[in-house]
Amino acid sequence: MFHAEIAACIPALRVAASLGMDTLFWNGMRQMWW
């Protein structure tokens, strides 16, 4: 059960990390260009 919970959380963490990186990237680009 514990392993299943971890396996279920991994995709959500991956998506959250991806969105976070995109946000940081675009904020950095905006500060550089504007």
Protein backbone atom coordinates (compact mmCIF):
# COMPACT_ATOMS: atom_id res chain seq x y z
CA MET A 1 0.00 0.00 0.00
CA PHE A 2 2.80 2.39 0.90
CA HIS A 3 4.58 1.74 -2.39
CA ALA A 4 1.33 2.26 -4.31
CA GLU A 5 0.84 5.64 -2.64
CA ILE A 6 4.36 6.71 -3.61
CA ALA A 7 3.81 5.51 -7.19
CA ALA A 8 0.57 7.52 -7.34
CA CYS A 9 2.32 10.66 -6.05
CA ILE A 10 5.28 10.58 -8.45
CA PRO A 11 3.38 11.79 -11.57
CA ALA A 12 1.78 14.62 -9.59
CA LEU A 13 5.18 15.68 -8.25
CA ARG A 14 6.63 15.51 -11.75
CA VAL A 15 3.85 17.71 -13.15
CA ALA A 16 4.19 20.19 -10.27
CA ALA A 17 7.96 20.36 -10.79
CA SER A 18 7.49 20.88 -14.53
CA LEU A 19 5.01 23.71 -13.99
CA GLY A 20 7.29 25.27 -11.38
CA MET A 21 10.28 25.18 -13.74
CA ASP A 22 8.20 26.71 -16.54
CA THR A 23 7.09 29.51 -14.21
CA LEU A 24 10.66 30.24 -13.12
CA PHE A 25 11.85 30.13 -16.73
CA TRP A 26 9.21 32.57 -18.02
CA ASN A 27 9.67 34.92 -15.06
CA GLY A 28 13.40 34.97 -15.80
CA MET A 29 12.81 35.61 -19.50
CA ARG A 30 10.39 38.44 -18.71
CA GLN A 31 12.91 40.11 -16.41
CA MET A 32 15.64 39.77 -19.04
CA TRP A 33 13.62 41.17 -21.93
CA TRP A 34 11.37 43.73 -20.23
